[in-house]
Amino acid sequence: MGWYRRAPGQQRELVAVRTAGGNTERADSVKGRFTISRD
């Protein structure tokens, strides 16, 4: 479960995804600023 984004004129890109087991993938551009969590 997670989030992607599409900026004007650009392709959709990964922001952050979290697996059911708790692992996280996150774009370098948002590290340190965005936090993904899951219930």
Full PDB file with SEQRES, HELIX, SHEET, SSBOND, CRYST1, ORIGX, SCALE, CONECT and MASTER records, all heavy atoms in Angstrom:
SEQRES   1 A   39  MET GLY TRP TYR ARG ARG ALA PRO GLY GLN GLN ARG GLU          
SEQRES   2 A   39  LEU VAL ALA VAL ARG THR ALA GLY GLY ASN THR GLU ARG          
SEQRES   3 A   39  ALA ASP SER VAL LYS GLY ARG PHE THR ILE SER ARG ASP          
HELIX    1 AA1 ASP A   28  VAL A   30  5                                   3    
SHEET    1 AA1 3 GLY A   2  ARG A   5  0                                        
SHEET    2 AA1 3 GLU A  13  ARG A  18 -1                                        
SHEET    3 AA1 3 THR A  24  ARG A  26 -1                                        
CRYST1    1.000    1.000    1.000  90.00  90.00  90.00 P 1           1          
ORIGX1      1.000000  0.000000  0.000000        0.00000                         
ORIGX2      0.000000  1.000000  0.000000        0.00000                         
ORIGX3      0.000000  0.000000  1.000000        0.00000                         
SCALE1      1.000000  0.000000  0.000000        0.00000                         
SCALE2      0.000000  1.000000  0.000000        0.00000                         
SCALE3      0.000000  0.000000  1.000000        0.00000                         
ATOM      1  N   MET A   1       0.864  -1.176   0.000  1.00  0.00           N  
ATOM      2  CA  MET A   1       0.000   0.000   0.000  1.00  0.00           C  
ATOM      3  C   MET A   1       0.898   1.223   0.000  1.00  0.00           C  
ATOM      4  O   MET A   1       1.919   1.250   0.708  1.00  0.00           O  
ATOM      5  CB  MET A   1      -0.915   0.037   1.226  1.00  0.00           C  
ATOM      6  CG  MET A   1      -1.857  -1.137   1.369  1.00  0.00           C  
ATOM      7  SD  MET A   1      -2.975  -0.977   2.795  1.00  0.00           S  
ATOM      8  CE  MET A   1      -4.133   0.263   2.176  1.00  0.00           C  
ATOM      9  N   GLY A   2       0.520   2.216  -0.779  1.00  0.00           N  
ATOM     10  CA  GLY A   2       1.361   3.389  -0.788  1.00  0.00           C  
ATOM     11  C   GLY A   2       0.868   4.486  -1.694  1.00  0.00           C  
ATOM     12  O   GLY A   2      -0.329   4.554  -1.997  1.00  0.00           O  
ATOM     13  N   TRP A   3       1.814   5.313  -2.124  1.00  0.00           N  
ATOM     14  CA  TRP A   3       1.491   6.519  -2.872  1.00  0.00           C  
ATOM     15  C   TRP A   3       2.448   6.727  -4.042  1.00  0.00           C  
ATOM     16  O   TRP A   3       3.658   6.508  -3.899  1.00  0.00           O  
ATOM     17  CB  TRP A   3       1.575   7.733  -1.948  1.00  0.00           C  
ATOM     18  CG  TRP A   3       0.606   7.669  -0.816  1.00  0.00           C  
ATOM     19  CD1 TRP A   3       0.820   7.107   0.411  1.00  0.00           C  
ATOM     20  CD2 TRP A   3      -0.736   8.152  -0.810  1.00  0.00           C  
ATOM     21  NE1 TRP A   3      -0.313   7.213   1.178  1.00  0.00           N  
ATOM     22  CE2 TRP A   3      -1.282   7.848   0.456  1.00  0.00           C  
ATOM     23  CE3 TRP A   3      -1.540   8.804  -1.742  1.00  0.00           C  
ATOM     24  CZ2 TRP A   3      -2.588   8.185   0.800  1.00  0.00           C  
ATOM     25  CZ3 TRP A   3      -2.835   9.134  -1.394  1.00  0.00           C  
ATOM     26  CH2 TRP A   3      -3.346   8.833  -0.138  1.00  0.00           C  
ATOM     27  N   TYR A   4       1.874   7.142  -5.147  1.00  0.00           N  
ATOM     28  CA  TYR A   4       2.613   7.632  -6.290  1.00  0.00           C  
ATOM     29  C   TYR A   4       2.148   9.066  -6.542  1.00  0.00           C  
ATOM     30  O   TYR A   4       1.138   9.506  -5.994  1.00  0.00           O  
ATOM     31  CB  TYR A   4       2.334   6.783  -7.527  1.00  0.00           C  
ATOM     32  CG  TYR A   4       3.060   5.460  -7.549  1.00  0.00           C  
ATOM     33  CD1 TYR A   4       2.732   4.435  -6.662  1.00  0.00           C  
ATOM     34  CD2 TYR A   4       4.078   5.217  -8.471  1.00  0.00           C  
ATOM     35  CE1 TYR A   4       3.402   3.219  -6.687  1.00  0.00           C  
ATOM     36  CE2 TYR A   4       4.752   4.007  -8.511  1.00  0.00           C  
ATOM     37  CZ  TYR A   4       4.404   3.006  -7.614  1.00  0.00           C  
ATOM     38  OH  TYR A   4       5.069   1.805  -7.650  1.00  0.00           O  
ATOM     39  N   ARG A   5       2.872   9.774  -7.398  1.00  0.00           N  
ATOM     40  CA  ARG A   5       2.451  11.121  -7.760  1.00  0.00           C  
ATOM     41  C   ARG A   5       2.794  11.417  -9.209  1.00  0.00           C  
ATOM     42  O   ARG A   5       3.702  10.825  -9.768  1.00  0.00           O  
ATOM     43  CB  ARG A   5       3.082  12.166  -6.841  1.00  0.00           C  
ATOM     44  CG  ARG A   5       4.588  12.322  -6.999  1.00  0.00           C  
ATOM     45  CD  ARG A   5       5.125  13.295  -5.953  1.00  0.00           C  
ATOM     46  NE  ARG A   5       6.572  13.465  -6.086  1.00  0.00           N  
ATOM     47  CZ  ARG A   5       7.321  14.128  -5.228  1.00  0.00           C  
ATOM     48  NH1 ARG A   5       6.762  14.727  -4.157  1.00  0.00           N  
ATOM     49  NH2 ARG A   5       8.616  14.240  -5.433  1.00  0.00           N  
ATOM     50  N   ARG A   6       2.024  12.352  -9.771  1.00  0.00           N  
ATOM     51  CA  ARG A   6       2.292  12.814 -11.129  1.00  0.00           C  
ATOM     52  C   ARG A   6       2.269  14.329 -11.124  1.00  0.00           C  
ATOM     53  O   ARG A   6       1.222  14.935 -10.861  1.00  0.00           O  
ATOM     54  CB  ARG A   6       1.283  12.273 -12.122  1.00  0.00           C  
ATOM     55  CG  ARG A   6       1.496  12.804 -13.543  1.00  0.00           C  
ATOM     56  CD  ARG A   6       0.484  12.258 -14.490  1.00  0.00           C  
ATOM     57  NE  ARG A   6       0.802  10.866 -14.820  1.00  0.00           N  
ATOM     58  CZ  ARG A   6      -0.107   9.981 -15.213  1.00  0.00           C  
ATOM     59  NH1 ARG A   6      -1.370  10.323 -15.294  1.00  0.00           N  
ATOM     60  NH2 ARG A   6       0.257   8.750 -15.516  1.00  0.00           N  
ATOM     61  N   ALA A   7       3.410  14.906 -11.403  1.00  0.00           N  
ATOM     62  CA  ALA A   7       3.511  16.360 -11.523  1.00  0.00           C  
ATOM     63  C   ALA A   7       3.141  16.772 -12.945  1.00  0.00           C  
ATOM     64  O   ALA A   7       3.221  15.950 -13.865  1.00  0.00           O  
ATOM     65  CB  ALA A   7       4.926  16.807 -11.187  1.00  0.00           C  
ATOM     66  N   PRO A   8       2.753  18.006 -13.150  1.00  0.00           N  
ATOM     67  CA  PRO A   8       2.370  18.460 -14.491  1.00  0.00           C  
ATOM     68  C   PRO A   8       3.477  18.200 -15.508  1.00  0.00           C  
ATOM     69  O   PRO A   8       4.637  18.550 -15.280  1.00  0.00           O  
ATOM     70  CB  PRO A   8       2.135  19.961 -14.299  1.00  0.00           C  
ATOM     71  CG  PRO A   8       1.773  20.097 -12.860  1.00  0.00           C  
ATOM     72  CD  PRO A   8       2.572  19.068 -12.133  1.00  0.00           C  
ATOM     73  N   GLY A   9       3.117  17.551 -16.598  1.00  0.00           N  
ATOM     74  CA  GLY A   9       4.055  17.280 -17.671  1.00  0.00           C  
ATOM     75  C   GLY A   9       5.047  16.174 -17.395  1.00  0.00           C  
ATOM     76  O   GLY A   9       5.964  15.949 -18.197  1.00  0.00           O  
ATOM     77  N   GLN A  10       4.861  15.444 -16.297  1.00  0.00           N  
ATOM     78  CA  GLN A  10       5.806  14.389 -15.955  1.00  0.00           C  
ATOM     79  C   GLN A  10       5.082  13.054 -15.807  1.00  0.00           C  
ATOM     80  O   GLN A  10       3.869  12.997 -15.721  1.00  0.00           O  
ATOM     81  CB  GLN A  10       6.541  14.739 -14.660  1.00  0.00           C  
ATOM     82  CG  GLN A  10       7.384  15.997 -14.748  1.00  0.00           C  
ATOM     83  CD  GLN A  10       8.208  16.237 -13.513  1.00  0.00           C  
ATOM     84  OE1 GLN A  10       8.465  15.320 -12.726  1.00  0.00           O  
ATOM     85  NE2 GLN A  10       8.638  17.467 -13.326  1.00  0.00           N  
ATOM     86  N   GLN A  11       5.872  11.986 -15.780  1.00  0.00           N  
ATOM     87  CA  GLN A  11       5.303  10.661 -15.583  1.00  0.00           C  
ATOM     88  C   GLN A  11       5.027  10.420 -14.103  1.00  0.00           C  
ATOM     89  O   GLN A  11       5.621  11.049 -13.220  1.00  0.00           O  
ATOM     90  CB  GLN A  11       6.272   9.600 -16.108  1.00  0.00           C  
ATOM     91  CG  GLN A  11       6.440   9.619 -17.617  1.00  0.00           C  
ATOM     92  CD  GLN A  11       7.284   8.465 -18.109  1.00  0.00           C  
ATOM     93  OE1 GLN A  11       8.112   7.933 -17.388  1.00  0.00           O  
ATOM     94  NE2 GLN A  11       7.054   8.064 -19.351  1.00  0.00           N  
ATOM     95  N   ARG A  12       4.121   9.479 -13.872  1.00  0.00           N  
ATOM     96  CA  ARG A  12       3.821   9.104 -12.495  1.00  0.00           C  
ATOM     97  C   ARG A  12       5.058   8.447 -11.871  1.00  0.00           C  
ATOM     98  O   ARG A  12       5.732   7.641 -12.520  1.00  0.00           O  
ATOM     99  CB  ARG A  12       2.624   8.172 -12.466  1.00  0.00           C  
ATOM    100  CG  ARG A  12       2.112   7.858 -11.075  1.00  0.00           C  
ATOM    101  CD  ARG A  12       0.682   7.367 -11.098  1.00  0.00           C  
ATOM    102  NE  ARG A  12       0.463   6.263 -11.999  1.00  0.00           N  
ATOM    103  CZ  ARG A  12      -0.731   5.789 -12.313  1.00  0.00           C  
ATOM    104  NH1 ARG A  12      -1.827   6.354 -11.784  1.00  0.00           N  
ATOM    105  NH2 ARG A  12      -0.848   4.781 -13.147  1.00  0.00           N  
ATOM    106  N   GLU A  13       5.348   8.781 -10.627  1.00  0.00           N  
ATOM    107  CA  GLU A  13       6.529   8.256  -9.960  1.00  0.00           C  
ATOM    108  C   GLU A  13       6.181   7.784  -8.544  1.00  0.00           C  
ATOM    109  O   GLU A  13       5.246   8.279  -7.915  1.00  0.00           O  
ATOM    110  CB  GLU A  13       7.625   9.326  -9.863  1.00  0.00           C  
ATOM    111  CG  GLU A  13       7.244  10.527  -9.023  1.00  0.00           C  
ATOM    112  CD  GLU A  13       8.382  11.512  -8.835  1.00  0.00           C  
ATOM    113  OE1 GLU A  13       9.480  11.285  -9.361  1.00  0.00           O  
ATOM    114  OE2 GLU A  13       8.167  12.529  -8.133  1.00  0.00           O  
ATOM    115  N   LEU A  14       6.973   6.836  -8.074  1.00  0.00           N  
ATOM    116  CA  LEU A  14       6.809   6.333  -6.722  1.00  0.00           C  
ATOM    117  C   LEU A  14       7.132   7.432  -5.711  1.00  0.00           C  
ATOM    118  O   LEU A  14       8.131   8.146  -5.850  1.00  0.00           O  
ATOM    119  CB  LEU A  14       7.746   5.146  -6.492  1.00  0.00           C  
ATOM    120  CG  LEU A  14       7.889   4.667  -5.050  1.00  0.00           C  
ATOM    121  CD1 LEU A  14       6.639   3.930  -4.608  1.00  0.00           C  
ATOM    122  CD2 LEU A  14       9.121   3.797  -4.890  1.00  0.00           C  
ATOM    123  N   VAL A  15       6.293   7.553  -4.700  1.00  0.00           N  
ATOM    124  CA  VAL A  15       6.601   8.402  -3.552  1.00  0.00           C  
ATOM    125  C   VAL A  15       7.047   7.503  -2.395  1.00  0.00           C  
ATOM    126  O   VAL A  15       8.171   7.607  -1.913  1.00  0.00           O  
ATOM    127  CB  VAL A  15       5.394   9.249  -3.127  1.00  0.00           C  
ATOM    128  CG1 VAL A  15       5.742  10.085  -1.901  1.00  0.00           C  
ATOM    129  CG2 VAL A  15       4.932  10.140  -4.272  1.00  0.00           C  
ATOM    130  N   ALA A  16       6.159   6.627  -1.965  1.00  0.00           N  
ATOM    131  CA  ALA A  16       6.494   5.705  -0.880  1.00  0.00           C  
ATOM    132  C   ALA A  16       5.486   4.562  -0.879  1.00  0.00           C  
ATOM    133  O   ALA A  16       4.302   4.763  -1.151  1.00  0.00           O  
ATOM    134  CB  ALA A  16       6.487   6.405   0.474  1.00  0.00           C  
ATOM    135  N   VAL A  17       5.985   3.369  -0.566  1.00  0.00           N  
ATOM    136  CA  VAL A  17       5.146   2.184  -0.466  1.00  0.00           C  
ATOM    137  C   VAL A  17       5.553   1.415   0.766  1.00  0.00           C  
ATOM    138  O   VAL A  17       6.750   1.330   1.085  1.00  0.00           O  
ATOM    139  CB  VAL A  17       5.283   1.297  -1.721  1.00  0.00           C  
ATOM    140  CG1 VAL A  17       4.623  -0.049  -1.508  1.00  0.00           C  
ATOM    141  CG2 VAL A  17       4.692   1.975  -2.935  1.00  0.00           C  
ATOM    142  N   ARG A  18       4.552   0.838   1.443  1.00  0.00           N  
ATOM    143  CA  ARG A  18       4.830   0.033   2.626  1.00  0.00           C  
ATOM    144  C   ARG A  18       4.201  -1.335   2.450  1.00  0.00           C  
ATOM    145  O   ARG A  18       3.035  -1.453   2.057  1.00  0.00           O  
ATOM    146  CB  ARG A  18       4.264   0.714   3.870  1.00  0.00           C  
ATOM    147  CG  ARG A  18       4.746   0.103   5.178  1.00  0.00           C  
ATOM    148  CD  ARG A  18       4.489   1.063   6.322  1.00  0.00           C  
ATOM    149  NE  ARG A  18       4.879   0.526   7.610  1.00  0.00           N  
ATOM    150  CZ  ARG A  18       6.091   0.668   8.121  1.00  0.00           C  
ATOM    151  NH1 ARG A  18       7.029   1.311   7.472  1.00  0.00           N  
ATOM    152  NH2 ARG A  18       6.373   0.149   9.302  1.00  0.00           N  
ATOM    153  N   THR A  19       4.994  -2.353   2.757  1.00  0.00           N  
ATOM    154  CA  THR A  19       4.490  -3.713   2.626  1.00  0.00           C  
ATOM    155  C   THR A  19       3.721  -4.108   3.887  1.00  0.00           C  
ATOM    156  O   THR A  19       3.817  -3.450   4.927  1.00  0.00           O  
ATOM    157  CB  THR A  19       5.623  -4.713   2.404  1.00  0.00           C  
ATOM    158  OG1 THR A  19       6.391  -4.794   3.616  1.00  0.00           O  
ATOM    159  CG2 THR A  19       6.524  -4.275   1.267  1.00  0.00           C  
ATOM    160  N   ALA A  20       2.994  -5.205   3.792  1.00  0.00           N  
ATOM    161  CA  ALA A  20       2.251  -5.699   4.947  1.00  0.00           C  
ATOM    162  C   ALA A  20       3.191  -6.089   6.076  1.00  0.00           C  
ATOM    163  O   ALA A  20       2.834  -6.024   7.252  1.00  0.00           O  
ATOM    164  CB  ALA A  20       1.382  -6.889   4.538  1.00  0.00           C  
ATOM    165  N   GLY A  21       4.401  -6.468   5.717  1.00  0.00           N  
ATOM    166  CA  GLY A  21       5.390  -6.852   6.718  1.00  0.00           C  
ATOM    167  C   GLY A  21       6.130  -5.698   7.340  1.00  0.00           C  
ATOM    168  O   GLY A  21       6.923  -5.891   8.276  1.00  0.00           O  
ATOM    169  N   GLY A  22       5.888  -4.476   6.819  1.00  0.00           N  
ATOM    170  CA  GLY A  22       6.489  -3.298   7.435  1.00  0.00           C  
ATOM    171  C   GLY A  22       7.693  -2.719   6.717  1.00  0.00           C  
ATOM    172  O   GLY A  22       8.285  -1.746   7.178  1.00  0.00           O  
ATOM    173  N   ASN A  23       8.077  -3.311   5.589  1.00  0.00           N  
ATOM    174  CA  ASN A  23       9.187  -2.739   4.825  1.00  0.00           C  
ATOM    175  C   ASN A  23       8.707  -1.520   4.045  1.00  0.00           C  
ATOM    176  O   ASN A  23       7.546  -1.457   3.616  1.00  0.00           O  
ATOM    177  CB  ASN A  23       9.761  -3.772   3.868  1.00  0.00           C  
ATOM    178  CG  ASN A  23      10.424  -4.914   4.618  1.00  0.00           C  
ATOM    179  OD1 ASN A  23      11.085  -4.716   5.627  1.00  0.00           O  
ATOM    180  ND2 ASN A  23      10.216  -6.136   4.135  1.00  0.00           N  
ATOM    181  N   THR A  24       9.613  -0.571   3.830  1.00  0.00           N  
ATOM    182  CA  THR A  24       9.267   0.682   3.158  1.00  0.00           C  
ATOM    183  C   THR A  24      10.193   0.953   1.985  1.00  0.00           C  
ATOM    184  O   THR A  24      11.402   0.733   2.076  1.00  0.00           O  
ATOM    185  CB  THR A  24       9.346   1.853   4.147  1.00  0.00           C  
ATOM    186  OG1 THR A  24       8.386   1.659   5.184  1.00  0.00           O  
ATOM    187  CG2 THR A  24       9.042   3.174   3.456  1.00  0.00           C  
ATOM    188  N   GLU A  25       9.591   1.403   0.903  1.00  0.00           N  
ATOM    189  CA  GLU A  25      10.350   1.928  -0.230  1.00  0.00           C  
ATOM    190  C   GLU A  25       9.958   3.388  -0.368  1.00  0.00           C  
ATOM    191  O   GLU A  25       8.780   3.730  -0.259  1.00  0.00           O  
ATOM    192  CB  GLU A  25      10.008   1.181  -1.519  1.00  0.00           C  
ATOM    193  CG  GLU A  25      10.337  -0.292  -1.494  1.00  0.00           C  
ATOM    194  CD  GLU A  25       9.833  -1.006  -2.736  1.00  0.00           C  
ATOM    195  OE1 GLU A  25       9.557  -0.337  -3.740  1.00  0.00           O  
ATOM    196  OE2 GLU A  25       9.692  -2.247  -2.699  1.00  0.00           O  
ATOM    197  N   ARG A  26      10.927   4.246  -0.623  1.00  0.00           N  
ATOM    198  CA  ARG A  26      10.648   5.677  -0.651  1.00  0.00           C  
ATOM    199  C   ARG A  26      11.547   6.345  -1.670  1.00  0.00           C  
ATOM    200  O   ARG A  26      12.717   5.985  -1.810  1.00  0.00           O  
ATOM    201  CB  ARG A  26      10.869   6.252   0.752  1.00  0.00           C  
ATOM    202  CG  ARG A  26      10.280   7.587   1.045  1.00  0.00           C  
ATOM    203  CD  ARG A  26      10.233   7.828   2.541  1.00  0.00           C  
ATOM    204  NE  ARG A  26      11.332   7.205   3.242  1.00  0.00           N  
ATOM    205  CZ  ARG A  26      11.355   6.967   4.535  1.00  0.00           C  
ATOM    206  NH1 ARG A  26      10.313   7.282   5.274  1.00  0.00           N  
ATOM    207  NH2 ARG A  26      12.397   6.402   5.106  1.00  0.00           N  
ATOM    208  N   ALA A  27      11.032   7.322  -2.368  1.00  0.00           N  
ATOM    209  CA  ALA A  27      11.834   8.076  -3.326  1.00  0.00           C  
ATOM    210  C   ALA A  27      12.895   8.879  -2.587  1.00  0.00           C  
ATOM    211  O   ALA A  27      12.650   9.403  -1.500  1.00  0.00           O  
ATOM    212  CB  ALA A  27      10.937   9.009  -4.127  1.00  0.00           C  
ATOM    213  N   ASP A  28      14.064   9.006  -3.201  1.00  0.00           N  
ATOM    214  CA  ASP A  28      15.147   9.771  -2.579  1.00  0.00           C  
ATOM    215  C   ASP A  28      14.725  11.214  -2.319  1.00  0.00           C  
ATOM    216  O   ASP A  28      15.148  11.821  -1.332  1.00  0.00           O  
ATOM    217  CB  ASP A  28      16.384   9.741  -3.466  1.00  0.00           C  
ATOM    218  CG  ASP A  28      17.070   8.381  -3.479  1.00  0.00           C  
ATOM    219  OD1 ASP A  28      16.809   7.572  -2.565  1.00  0.00           O  
ATOM    220  OD2 ASP A  28      17.860   8.137  -4.403  1.00  0.00           O  
ATOM    221  N   SER A  29      13.899  11.751  -3.197  1.00  0.00           N  
ATOM    222  CA  SER A  29      13.525  13.160  -3.090  1.00  0.00           C  
ATOM    223  C   SER A  29      12.667  13.465  -1.867  1.00  0.00           C  
ATOM    224  O   SER A  29      12.526  14.631  -1.499  1.00  0.00           O  
ATOM    225  CB  SER A  29      12.769  13.593  -4.354  1.00  0.00           C  
ATOM    226  OG  SER A  29      11.594  12.824  -4.516  1.00  0.00           O  
ATOM    227  N   VAL A  30      12.093  12.433  -1.244  1.00  0.00           N  
ATOM    228  CA  VAL A  30      11.224  12.688  -0.095  1.00  0.00           C  
ATOM    229  C   VAL A  30      11.793  12.157   1.214  1.00  0.00           C  
ATOM    230  O   VAL A  30      11.193  12.339   2.273  1.00  0.00           O  
ATOM    231  CB  VAL A  30       9.811  12.097  -0.325  1.00  0.00           C  
ATOM    232  CG1 VAL A  30       9.221  12.628  -1.625  1.00  0.00           C  
ATOM    233  CG2 VAL A  30       9.824  10.573  -0.311  1.00  0.00           C  
ATOM    234  N   LYS A  31      12.941  11.509   1.141  1.00  0.00           N  
ATOM    235  CA  LYS A  31      13.536  10.962   2.369  1.00  0.00           C  
ATOM    236  C   LYS A  31      13.862  12.085   3.348  1.00  0.00           C  
ATOM    237  O   LYS A  31      14.376  13.131   2.953  1.00  0.00           O  
ATOM    238  CB  LYS A  31      14.795  10.165   2.022  1.00  0.00           C  
ATOM    239  CG  LYS A  31      14.484   8.828   1.369  1.00  0.00           C  
ATOM    240  CD  LYS A  31      15.761   8.055   1.048  1.00  0.00           C  
ATOM    241  CE  LYS A  31      15.420   6.705   0.405  1.00  0.00           C  
ATOM    242  NZ  LYS A  31      16.636   5.939   0.015  1.00  0.00           N  
ATOM    243  N   GLY A  32      13.521  11.836   4.598  1.00  0.00           N  
ATOM    244  CA  GLY A  32      13.736  12.842   5.624  1.00  0.00           C  
ATOM    245  C   GLY A  32      12.607  13.837   5.746  1.00  0.00           C  
ATOM    246  O   GLY A  32      12.587  14.639   6.695  1.00  0.00           O  
ATOM    247  N   ARG A  33      11.658  13.807   4.812  1.00  0.00           N  
ATOM    248  CA  ARG A  33      10.543  14.757   4.841  1.00  0.00           C  
ATOM    249  C   ARG A  33       9.188  14.050   4.905  1.00  0.00           C  
ATOM    250  O   ARG A  33       8.272  14.518   5.568  1.00  0.00           O  
ATOM    251  CB  ARG A  33      10.577  15.655   3.606  1.00  0.00           C  
ATOM    252  CG  ARG A  33      11.849  16.460   3.463  1.00  0.00           C  
ATOM    253  CD  ARG A  33      11.747  17.474   2.326  1.00  0.00           C  
ATOM    254  NE  ARG A  33      11.535  16.839   1.038  1.00  0.00           N  
ATOM    255  CZ  ARG A  33      10.498  17.094   0.233  1.00  0.00           C  
ATOM    256  NH1 ARG A  33       9.564  17.966   0.609  1.00  0.00           N  
ATOM    257  NH2 ARG A  33      10.403  16.473  -0.934  1.00  0.00           N  
ATOM    258  N   PHE A  34       9.038  12.959   4.180  1.00  0.00           N  
ATOM    259  CA  PHE A  34       7.772  12.230   4.109  1.00  0.00           C  
ATOM    260  C   PHE A  34       7.886  10.923   4.890  1.00  0.00           C  
ATOM    261  O   PHE A  34       8.899  10.234   4.812  1.00  0.00           O  
ATOM    262  CB  PHE A  34       7.401  11.880   2.676  1.00  0.00           C  
ATOM    263  CG  PHE A  34       7.050  13.041   1.792  1.00  0.00           C  
ATOM    264  CD1 PHE A  34       7.252  14.359   2.178  1.00  0.00           C  
ATOM    265  CD2 PHE A  34       6.496  12.811   0.537  1.00  0.00           C  
ATOM    266  CE1 PHE A  34       6.929  15.421   1.364  1.00  0.00           C  
ATOM    267  CE2 PHE A  34       6.152  13.854  -0.301  1.00  0.00           C  
ATOM    268  CZ  PHE A  34       6.392  15.169   0.121  1.00  0.00           C  
ATOM    269  N   THR A  35       6.810  10.598   5.595  1.00  0.00           N  
ATOM    270  CA  THR A  35       6.759   9.358   6.352  1.00  0.00           C  
ATOM    271  C   THR A  35       5.501   8.598   5.962  1.00  0.00           C  
ATOM    272  O   THR A  35       4.399   9.156   6.000  1.00  0.00           O  
ATOM    273  CB  THR A  35       6.749   9.624   7.858  1.00  0.00           C  
ATOM    274  OG1 THR A  35       7.914  10.365   8.228  1.00  0.00           O  
ATOM    275  CG2 THR A  35       6.717   8.314   8.640  1.00  0.00           C  
ATOM    276  N   ILE A  36       5.683   7.337   5.602  1.00  0.00           N  
ATOM    277  CA  ILE A  36       4.532   6.489   5.287  1.00  0.00           C  
ATOM    278  C   ILE A  36       4.270   5.565   6.463  1.00  0.00           C  
ATOM    279  O   ILE A  36       5.198   5.054   7.093  1.00  0.00           O  
ATOM    280  CB  ILE A  36       4.755   5.692   3.984  1.00  0.00           C  
ATOM    281  CG1 ILE A  36       3.471   4.955   3.578  1.00  0.00           C  
ATOM    282  CG2 ILE A  36       5.929   4.740   4.105  1.00  0.00           C  
ATOM    283  CD1 ILE A  36       3.530   4.366   2.173  1.00  0.00           C  
ATOM    284  N   SER A  37       3.004   5.382   6.765  1.00  0.00           N  
ATOM    285  CA  SER A  37       2.619   4.441   7.809  1.00  0.00           C  
ATOM    286  C   SER A  37       1.357   3.716   7.369  1.00  0.00           C  
ATOM    287  O   SER A  37       0.678   4.139   6.424  1.00  0.00           O  
ATOM    288  CB  SER A  37       2.388   5.162   9.145  1.00  0.00           C  
ATOM    289  OG  SER A  37       1.366   6.128   9.026  1.00  0.00           O  
ATOM    290  N   ARG A  38       1.083   2.647   8.055  1.00  0.00           N  
ATOM    291  CA  ARG A  38      -0.002   1.779   7.608  1.00  0.00           C  
ATOM    292  C   ARG A  38      -0.687   1.163   8.817  1.00  0.00           C  
ATOM    293  O   ARG A  38      -0.019   0.731   9.761  1.00  0.00           O  
ATOM    294  CB  ARG A  38       0.592   0.697   6.696  1.00  0.00           C  
ATOM    295  CG  ARG A  38      -0.355  -0.333   6.205  1.00  0.00           C  
ATOM    296  CD  ARG A  38       0.342  -1.209   5.171  1.00  0.00           C  
ATOM    297  NE  ARG A  38      -0.501  -2.341   4.845  1.00  0.00           N  
ATOM    298  CZ  ARG A  38      -0.264  -3.195   3.876  1.00  0.00           C  
ATOM    299  NH1 ARG A  38       0.805  -3.046   3.105  1.00  0.00           N  
ATOM    300  NH2 ARG A  38      -1.077  -4.198   3.660  1.00  0.00           N  
ATOM    301  N   ASP A  39      -2.005   1.156   8.793  1.00  0.00           N  
ATOM    302  CA  ASP A  39      -2.809   0.497   9.822  1.00  0.00           C  
ATOM    303  C   ASP A  39      -3.513  -0.681   9.165  1.00  0.00           C  
ATOM    304  O   ASP A  39      -4.524  -0.494   8.480  1.00  0.00           O  
ATOM    305  CB  ASP A  39      -3.814   1.486  10.412  1.00  0.00           C  
ATOM    306  CG  ASP A  39      -4.589   0.922  11.590  1.00  0.00           C  
ATOM    307  OD1 ASP A  39      -4.735  -0.319  11.660  1.00  0.00           O  
ATOM    308  OD2 ASP A  39      -5.063   1.707  12.408  1.00  0.00           O  
TER     309      ASP A  39                                                      
MASTER        0    0    0    1    3    0    0    6  308    1    0    3          
END                                                                             
